[in-house]
Amino acid sequence: MTRIPVYFMPGMAASSSIFEKIKLPVDQFEVFLLEWIQPLPQESLKSYAMRMAKNVTHQNAILVGVSFGGVLVQEMAEYLTVRKIIIISSVKCAKELPKKMKIAKSTKAYKILPTSLLQDVEKLIKYAFGNRLKKKLQLYEKFLHMRNKEYLDWAIEQMICWERSTINSKVVHIHGDADEVFPIQYIKDCIVVEQGTHAMILTKYKWLNTHLPAILLA
């Protein structure tokens, strides 16, 4: 039996280690992990997606993307022949973006975000008060892959200013009903995960391990 190639794309700035607890049956699926690369100066999301699509070396692969990674795999699919696109904790089109992101787009408020602070996670951990905050920051440090300001500024702008209006018919959307980044009231036609937050790729991995194989094969 030929195994189905599945390519996983992490969320904004995250490394592929966010998928470390996702286990697919090895006799059915061949897993490939993608990582963010540095965008070129003033690069469009379409251009970036075209470059990233070159890392998908199989025909009829399944693309799985989390959050902004879900947006990216939808754009990558424009340059590939894919079997299916699975997005988790993400959006299918600009209409699904929350009001605060639409306001940030119209006011260009995203341009003043202090993204440079994210480059000093070690310092934040060193001076953090309370074990709970320290644990959160340590988890953040573990999974944060792209910390440079140029990438973060670019990624935030591409996410907020995404203009897709037509939903790809191959998209299957998995979304948590407690997602704090993309609230479910703005999301249509999705598989709902109860008590799933925006970080459910980490917190609801048992649900995903149980249900993802059937979703991939459907």
Protein backbone atom coordinates (compact mmCIF):
# COMPACT_ATOMS: atom_id res chain seq x y z
CA MET A 1 0.00 0.00 0.00
CA THR A 2 1.37 3.40 -1.02
CA ARG A 3 1.49 5.79 1.89
CA ILE A 4 -0.12 9.22 1.57
CA PRO A 5 2.36 12.11 1.93
CA VAL A 6 1.25 14.66 4.54
CA TYR A 7 3.07 17.98 4.91
CA PHE A 8 2.67 19.89 8.18
CA MET A 9 3.14 23.69 8.39
CA PRO A 10 3.34 25.28 11.87
CA GLY A 11 1.75 28.55 12.99
CA MET A 12 3.28 32.01 12.84
CA ALA A 13 6.91 32.02 14.04
CA ALA A 14 6.53 28.47 15.41
CA SER A 15 8.76 25.49 14.68
CA SER A 16 7.56 22.11 13.45
CA SER A 17 8.13 20.81 16.99
CA ILE A 18 4.52 21.87 17.71
CA PHE A 19 3.58 18.64 15.92
CA GLU A 20 5.72 16.41 18.15
CA LYS A 21 2.67 14.78 19.79
CA ILE A 22 0.74 14.29 16.55
CA LYS A 23 1.02 10.62 15.58
CA LEU A 24 -0.42 9.25 12.32
CA PRO A 25 -0.52 5.55 11.39
CA VAL A 26 2.88 4.92 9.74
CA ASP A 27 1.44 2.29 7.41
CA GLN A 28 -0.96 4.83 5.89
CA PHE A 29 0.84 8.17 6.01
CA GLU A 30 4.32 9.55 5.35
CA VAL A 31 4.86 12.74 7.37
CA PHE A 32 6.96 15.71 6.30
CA LEU A 33 7.56 18.77 8.49
CA LEU A 34 7.94 22.22 6.96
CA GLU A 35 9.64 25.22 8.58
CA TRP A 36 9.31 28.95 8.05
CA ILE A 37 11.96 30.62 5.92
CA GLN A 38 13.01 34.26 5.91
CA PRO A 39 10.83 36.40 3.60
CA LEU A 40 12.54 38.57 1.01
CA PRO A 41 12.26 42.37 1.42
CA GLN A 42 8.70 43.49 0.55
CA GLU A 43 7.85 39.94 -0.56
CA SER A 44 4.19 39.18 -1.25
CA LEU A 45 2.49 36.21 0.37
CA LYS A 46 1.95 34.69 -3.09
CA SER A 47 5.66 34.91 -3.89
CA TYR A 48 6.56 33.42 -0.50
CA ALA A 49 4.02 30.60 -1.03
CA MET A 50 5.52 29.84 -4.43
CA ARG A 51 8.96 29.45 -2.84
CA MET A 52 7.60 27.31 0.00
CA ALA A 53 5.68 25.10 -2.45
CA LYS A 54 9.03 23.90 -3.84
CA ASN A 55 9.52 21.98 -0.57
CA VAL A 56 6.52 19.79 -1.40
CA THR A 57 8.00 17.14 -3.66
CA HIS A 58 4.99 14.81 -3.98
CA GLN A 59 1.99 14.95 -6.28
CA ASN A 60 -1.42 14.75 -4.54
CA ALA A 61 -0.02 15.37 -1.08
CA ILE A 62 -2.12 16.56 1.83
CA LEU A 63 -1.17 19.93 3.30
CA VAL A 64 -1.87 20.60 6.99
CA GLY A 65 -1.43 24.12 8.33
CA VAL A 66 -1.96 25.69 11.75
CA SER A 67 -3.11 29.32 12.19
CA PHE A 68 -1.08 31.52 9.78
CA GLY A 69 0.43 28.26 8.51
CA GLY A 70 -3.12 27.35 7.46
CA VAL A 71 -3.29 30.54 5.43
CA LEU A 72 0.08 29.76 3.86
CA VAL A 73 -0.81 26.19 2.80
CA GLN A 74 -3.92 27.52 1.07
CA GLU A 75 -1.70 29.87 -0.93
CA MET A 76 0.86 27.12 -1.57
CA ALA A 77 -1.90 24.92 -3.02
CA GLU A 78 -2.23 27.39 -5.90
CA TYR A 79 1.13 26.10 -7.18
CA LEU A 80 0.66 22.39 -6.43
CA THR A 81 -1.57 19.43 -7.19
CA VAL A 82 -2.91 18.54 -3.76
CA ARG A 83 -5.25 15.86 -2.50
CA LYS A 84 -6.58 17.90 0.42
CA ILE A 85 -5.84 20.95 2.57
CA ILE A 86 -6.42 20.69 6.32
CA ILE A 87 -6.38 23.93 8.30
CA ILE A 88 -6.38 23.97 12.11
CA SER A 89 -7.12 27.07 14.23
CA SER A 90 -7.07 29.19 11.08
CA VAL A 91 -9.34 30.93 8.56
CA LYS A 92 -10.50 30.04 5.03
CA CYS A 93 -10.97 33.58 3.71
CA ALA A 94 -10.72 37.22 4.75
CA LYS A 95 -14.40 37.26 5.82
CA GLU A 96 -13.51 34.94 8.72
CA LEU A 97 -10.97 37.35 10.21
CA PRO A 98 -12.17 38.87 13.51
CA LYS A 99 -13.25 42.52 13.68
CA LYS A 100 -10.13 43.58 15.59
CA MET A 101 -7.93 42.37 12.72
CA LYS A 102 -10.10 44.16 10.17
CA ILE A 103 -9.80 47.36 12.22
CA ALA A 104 -6.02 46.86 12.48
CA LYS A 105 -5.92 46.53 8.69
CA SER A 106 -7.91 49.71 8.04
CA THR A 107 -5.97 51.77 10.61
CA LYS A 108 -2.59 50.08 9.90
CA ALA A 109 -2.25 49.64 13.68
CA TYR A 110 -0.30 46.40 13.09
CA LYS A 111 2.67 48.51 11.96
CA ILE A 112 3.33 49.77 15.51
CA LEU A 113 3.38 46.39 17.28
CA PRO A 114 6.61 45.98 19.34
CA THR A 115 7.69 42.77 17.58
CA SER A 116 11.33 43.34 18.54
CA LEU A 117 10.44 42.30 22.11
CA LEU A 118 9.97 38.72 20.95
CA GLN A 119 13.67 38.45 20.16
CA ASP A 120 14.50 38.52 23.89
CA VAL A 121 12.42 35.63 25.25
CA GLU A 122 15.39 34.53 27.38
CA LYS A 123 15.41 37.90 29.15
CA LEU A 124 11.66 37.75 29.67
CA ILE A 125 12.03 34.31 31.29
CA LYS A 126 14.89 35.52 33.50
CA TYR A 127 12.86 38.40 34.91
CA ALA A 128 9.39 36.78 34.88
CA PHE A 129 7.60 36.71 38.21
CA GLY A 130 5.69 33.58 39.17
CA ASN A 131 6.13 29.99 38.03
CA ARG A 132 3.02 30.02 35.84
CA LEU A 133 4.33 32.88 33.69
CA LYS A 134 7.80 31.33 33.59
CA LYS A 135 6.36 28.02 32.34
CA LYS A 136 4.39 29.80 29.63
CA LEU A 137 7.46 31.71 28.49
CA GLN A 138 9.60 28.55 28.50
CA LEU A 139 6.99 26.80 26.36
CA TYR A 140 6.97 29.83 24.08
CA GLU A 141 10.76 29.73 23.80
CA LYS A 142 10.68 26.02 22.97
CA PHE A 143 8.26 26.37 20.07
CA LEU A 144 9.31 29.78 18.72
CA HIS A 145 11.42 29.29 15.63
CA MET A 146 11.47 32.64 13.81
CA ARG A 147 12.18 35.49 16.21
CA ASN A 148 13.64 38.18 14.00
CA LYS A 149 11.69 41.41 13.66
CA GLU A 150 11.70 41.37 9.84
CA TYR A 151 9.90 38.02 9.70
CA LEU A 152 7.42 38.92 12.45
CA ASP A 153 6.53 42.30 10.93
CA TRP A 154 6.05 40.62 7.54
CA ALA A 155 3.98 37.71 8.91
CA ILE A 156 1.63 39.90 10.95
CA GLU A 157 1.00 42.17 7.97
CA GLN A 158 0.34 39.22 5.62
CA MET A 159 -2.10 37.68 8.10
CA ILE A 160 -4.07 40.85 8.80
CA CYS A 161 -4.09 41.98 5.16
CA TRP A 162 -4.97 38.58 3.64
CA GLU A 163 -7.51 39.16 0.90
CA ARG A 164 -8.68 35.70 -0.17
CA SER A 165 -12.38 35.78 -1.00
CA THR A 166 -12.88 32.41 -2.73
CA ILE A 167 -12.60 29.35 -0.50
CA ASN A 168 -10.68 26.41 -1.96
CA SER A 169 -13.06 23.43 -2.23
CA LYS A 170 -10.32 21.08 -0.96
CA VAL A 171 -10.08 22.84 2.41
CA VAL A 172 -11.22 20.99 5.54
CA HIS A 173 -11.34 23.28 8.56
CA ILE A 174 -10.80 22.08 12.17
CA HIS A 175 -11.49 24.76 14.76
CA GLY A 176 -11.82 25.04 18.53
CA ASP A 177 -14.90 26.61 20.05
CA ALA A 178 -12.69 28.48 22.54
CA ASP A 179 -10.22 29.91 19.98
CA GLU A 180 -9.21 33.33 21.29
CA VAL A 181 -7.39 34.50 18.14
CA PHE A 182 -9.99 33.51 15.54
CA PRO A 183 -13.28 33.39 17.52
CA ILE A 184 -15.62 30.69 16.27
CA GLN A 185 -18.52 33.11 15.72
CA TYR A 186 -16.71 34.34 12.60
CA ILE A 187 -16.01 30.81 11.31
CA LYS A 188 -18.31 28.84 9.01
CA ASP A 189 -18.33 25.19 7.90
CA CYS A 190 -15.79 23.65 10.24
CA ILE A 191 -15.26 20.56 12.37
CA VAL A 192 -15.65 21.89 15.91
CA VAL A 193 -13.37 20.75 18.73
CA GLU A 194 -14.99 21.36 22.12
CA GLN A 195 -12.90 23.53 24.46
CA GLY A 196 -10.27 23.82 21.77
CA THR A 197 -8.20 27.00 22.11
CA HIS A 198 -5.90 28.54 19.51
CA ALA A 199 -3.13 26.32 20.90
CA MET A 200 -5.10 23.10 20.53
CA ILE A 201 -2.42 21.56 18.30
CA LEU A 202 -0.61 21.22 21.66
CA THR A 203 -3.51 20.82 24.10
CA LYS A 204 -5.93 18.68 22.05
CA TYR A 205 -3.41 16.36 20.43
CA LYS A 206 -5.31 13.31 21.71
CA TRP A 207 -8.45 14.45 19.88
CA LEU A 208 -6.41 15.09 16.75
CA ASN A 209 -4.62 11.72 16.93
CA THR A 210 -8.01 10.01 17.21
CA HIS A 211 -9.83 11.90 14.47
CA LEU A 212 -7.18 13.20 12.05
CA PRO A 213 -6.52 9.88 10.21
CA ALA A 214 -10.18 9.54 9.19
CA ILE A 215 -10.34 13.24 8.20
CA LEU A 216 -7.22 12.80 6.03
CA LEU A 217 -8.65 9.71 4.34
CA ALA A 218 -12.21 11.04 3.82
